[in-house]
């Protein structure tokens, strides 16, 4: 679950930093899905939390691009 301070930190990032973070999160979710498929994933809930974090980053990125 994302905390308010984490959300504030994401909102403080520039557009370039947000795009970089989005790329990192997409790489992470790919690796997590791969581990899950090969039964090597210790915490399957991590996939859900990364997906939610991707959604937050994309939302903030769209807000900044449209502003």
N, C-alpha and C. Protein backbone atom coordinates (compact mmCIF):
# COMPACT_ATOMS: atom_id res chain seq x y z
N UNK A 1 0.86 -1.18 0.00
CA UNK A 1 0.00 0.00 0.00
C UNK A 1 0.89 1.23 0.00
N UNK A 2 0.57 2.17 -0.89
CA UNK A 2 1.39 3.36 -1.04
C UNK A 2 1.05 4.37 0.06
N UNK A 3 2.06 4.90 0.66
CA UNK A 3 1.90 5.89 1.71
C UNK A 3 1.83 7.29 1.09
N UNK A 4 1.34 8.25 1.87
CA UNK A 4 1.22 9.62 1.38
C UNK A 4 2.58 10.21 1.04
N UNK A 5 3.60 9.89 1.83
CA UNK A 5 4.93 10.44 1.54
C UNK A 5 5.49 9.87 0.24
N UNK A 6 5.15 8.59 -0.07
CA UNK A 6 5.59 8.01 -1.34
C UNK A 6 4.90 8.69 -2.51
N UNK A 7 3.61 8.97 -2.35
CA UNK A 7 2.86 9.66 -3.40
C UNK A 7 3.41 11.07 -3.60
N UNK A 8 3.74 11.75 -2.51
CA UNK A 8 4.30 13.09 -2.62
C UNK A 8 5.65 13.05 -3.31
N UNK A 9 6.44 12.02 -3.04
CA UNK A 9 7.74 11.89 -3.68
C UNK A 9 7.58 11.65 -5.18
N UNK A 10 6.59 10.87 -5.57
CA UNK A 10 6.34 10.62 -6.99
C UNK A 10 5.87 11.89 -7.68
N UNK A 11 4.98 12.64 -7.02
CA UNK A 11 4.47 13.88 -7.62
C UNK A 11 5.57 14.93 -7.77
N UNK A 12 6.62 14.83 -6.96
CA UNK A 12 7.70 15.82 -7.02
C UNK A 12 8.67 15.53 -8.17
N UNK A 13 8.60 14.35 -8.76
CA UNK A 13 9.54 14.00 -9.83
C UNK A 13 9.21 14.75 -11.12
N UNK A 14 10.21 14.93 -11.95
CA UNK A 14 10.01 15.57 -13.26
C UNK A 14 9.44 14.54 -14.23
N UNK A 15 9.01 15.00 -15.39
CA UNK A 15 8.44 14.11 -16.40
C UNK A 15 9.47 13.06 -16.83
N UNK A 16 10.72 13.48 -17.01
CA UNK A 16 11.76 12.54 -17.43
C UNK A 16 12.00 11.48 -16.36
N UNK A 17 12.03 11.90 -15.09
CA UNK A 17 12.22 10.94 -14.00
C UNK A 17 11.05 9.97 -13.89
N UNK A 18 9.83 10.48 -14.12
CA UNK A 18 8.65 9.62 -14.07
C UNK A 18 8.70 8.56 -15.17
N UNK A 19 9.13 8.98 -16.37
CA UNK A 19 9.23 8.03 -17.48
C UNK A 19 10.29 6.97 -17.19
N UNK A 20 11.39 7.40 -16.57
CA UNK A 20 12.45 6.45 -16.20
C UNK A 20 11.94 5.46 -15.15
N UNK A 21 11.23 5.98 -14.13
CA UNK A 21 10.67 5.12 -13.08
C UNK A 21 9.66 4.14 -13.66
N UNK A 22 8.85 4.61 -14.60
CA UNK A 22 7.87 3.75 -15.25
C UNK A 22 8.56 2.59 -15.98
N UNK A 23 9.64 2.89 -16.67
CA UNK A 23 10.40 1.85 -17.35
C UNK A 23 10.96 0.83 -16.37
N UNK A 24 11.49 1.31 -15.25
CA UNK A 24 12.04 0.41 -14.23
C UNK A 24 10.95 -0.48 -13.64
N UNK A 25 9.78 0.10 -13.39
CA UNK A 25 8.68 -0.69 -12.82
C UNK A 25 8.19 -1.74 -13.81
N UNK A 26 8.14 -1.40 -15.09
CA UNK A 26 7.71 -2.37 -16.10
C UNK A 26 8.71 -3.52 -16.21
N UNK A 27 10.00 -3.20 -16.10
CA UNK A 27 11.01 -4.26 -16.09
C UNK A 27 10.84 -5.15 -14.86
N UNK A 28 10.55 -4.53 -13.72
CA UNK A 28 10.38 -5.30 -12.49
C UNK A 28 9.17 -6.22 -12.58
N UNK A 29 8.05 -5.72 -13.13
CA UNK A 29 6.86 -6.57 -13.21
C UNK A 29 7.08 -7.71 -14.20
N UNK A 30 7.86 -7.46 -15.25
CA UNK A 30 8.19 -8.54 -16.19
C UNK A 30 8.97 -9.64 -15.47
N UNK A 31 9.97 -9.24 -14.68
CA UNK A 31 10.78 -10.21 -13.94
C UNK A 31 9.93 -10.97 -12.92
N UNK A 32 9.02 -10.24 -12.24
CA UNK A 32 8.16 -10.90 -11.25
C UNK A 32 7.23 -11.91 -11.91
N UNK A 33 6.67 -11.56 -13.06
CA UNK A 33 5.78 -12.49 -13.77
C UNK A 33 6.56 -13.72 -14.24
N UNK A 34 7.78 -13.52 -14.67
CA UNK A 34 8.63 -14.63 -15.10
C UNK A 34 8.92 -15.55 -13.92
N UNK A 35 9.26 -14.97 -12.78
CA UNK A 35 9.52 -15.77 -11.58
C UNK A 35 8.26 -16.52 -11.15
N UNK A 36 7.10 -15.87 -11.27
CA UNK A 36 5.84 -16.50 -10.89
C UNK A 36 5.54 -17.69 -11.79
N UNK A 37 5.81 -17.54 -13.06
CA UNK A 37 5.55 -18.62 -14.03
C UNK A 37 6.45 -19.82 -13.78
N UNK A 38 7.65 -19.59 -13.27
CA UNK A 38 8.58 -20.68 -13.01
C UNK A 38 8.59 -21.11 -11.54
N UNK A 39 7.56 -20.68 -10.79
CA UNK A 39 7.40 -21.03 -9.37
C UNK A 39 8.60 -20.66 -8.52
N UNK A 40 9.21 -19.51 -8.79
CA UNK A 40 10.34 -19.03 -8.00
C UNK A 40 10.00 -17.77 -7.23
N UNK A 41 8.76 -17.32 -7.30
CA UNK A 41 8.37 -16.07 -6.66
C UNK A 41 8.00 -16.33 -5.20
N UNK A 42 8.68 -15.60 -4.29
CA UNK A 42 8.42 -15.77 -2.85
C UNK A 42 7.15 -15.07 -2.41
N UNK A 43 6.91 -13.86 -2.93
CA UNK A 43 5.78 -13.05 -2.49
C UNK A 43 4.93 -12.64 -3.70
N UNK A 44 3.89 -13.41 -4.02
CA UNK A 44 3.06 -13.08 -5.18
C UNK A 44 2.31 -11.74 -5.05
N UNK A 45 2.13 -11.25 -3.83
CA UNK A 45 1.45 -9.97 -3.66
C UNK A 45 2.29 -8.81 -4.18
N UNK A 46 3.57 -9.03 -4.37
CA UNK A 46 4.46 -7.99 -4.90
C UNK A 46 4.01 -7.59 -6.31
N UNK A 47 3.49 -8.55 -7.07
CA UNK A 47 3.01 -8.23 -8.42
C UNK A 47 1.89 -7.19 -8.35
N UNK A 48 0.95 -7.38 -7.45
CA UNK A 48 -0.17 -6.45 -7.31
C UNK A 48 0.31 -5.07 -6.88
N UNK A 49 1.26 -5.01 -5.95
CA UNK A 49 1.73 -3.72 -5.49
C UNK A 49 2.50 -2.98 -6.57
N UNK A 50 3.25 -3.70 -7.39
CA UNK A 50 3.98 -3.06 -8.49
C UNK A 50 3.00 -2.56 -9.54
N UNK A 51 1.95 -3.33 -9.81
CA UNK A 51 0.94 -2.88 -10.78
C UNK A 51 0.28 -1.58 -10.32
N UNK A 52 -0.02 -1.50 -9.01
CA UNK A 52 -0.64 -0.29 -8.48
C UNK A 52 0.32 0.89 -8.55
N UNK A 53 1.59 0.62 -8.29
CA UNK A 53 2.59 1.69 -8.36
C UNK A 53 2.73 2.19 -9.81
N UNK A 54 2.67 1.27 -10.77
CA UNK A 54 2.71 1.66 -12.19
C UNK A 54 1.52 2.56 -12.50
N UNK A 55 0.35 2.21 -12.00
CA UNK A 55 -0.85 3.01 -12.25
C UNK A 55 -0.71 4.42 -11.68
N UNK A 56 -0.14 4.53 -10.49
CA UNK A 56 0.05 5.85 -9.87
C UNK A 56 1.03 6.69 -10.69
N UNK A 57 2.14 6.06 -11.10
CA UNK A 57 3.14 6.79 -11.88
C UNK A 57 2.55 7.25 -13.21
N UNK A 58 1.78 6.37 -13.86
CA UNK A 58 1.17 6.76 -15.14
C UNK A 58 0.16 7.89 -14.95
N UNK A 59 -0.59 7.85 -13.86
CA UNK A 59 -1.58 8.91 -13.59
C UNK A 59 -0.88 10.25 -13.38
N UNK A 60 0.16 10.26 -12.56
CA UNK A 60 0.88 11.51 -12.29
C UNK A 60 1.55 12.01 -13.57
N UNK A 61 2.10 11.08 -14.36
CA UNK A 61 2.75 11.46 -15.62
C UNK A 61 1.75 12.10 -16.58
N UNK A 62 0.56 11.53 -16.69
CA UNK A 62 -0.46 12.12 -17.56
C UNK A 62 -0.92 13.47 -17.05
N UNK A 63 -1.04 13.62 -15.74
CA UNK A 63 -1.43 14.91 -15.16
C UNK A 63 -0.40 15.98 -15.51
N UNK A 64 0.89 15.62 -15.41
CA UNK A 64 1.95 16.60 -15.69
C UNK A 64 2.02 16.93 -17.18
N UNK A 65 1.80 15.93 -18.03
CA UNK A 65 1.86 16.17 -19.48
C UNK A 65 0.70 17.04 -19.94
N UNK A 66 -0.46 16.89 -19.31
CA UNK A 66 -1.64 17.65 -19.70
C UNK A 66 -1.72 19.02 -19.04
N UNK A 67 -0.87 19.27 -18.05
CA UNK A 67 -0.92 20.54 -17.34
C UNK A 67 -0.24 21.65 -18.13
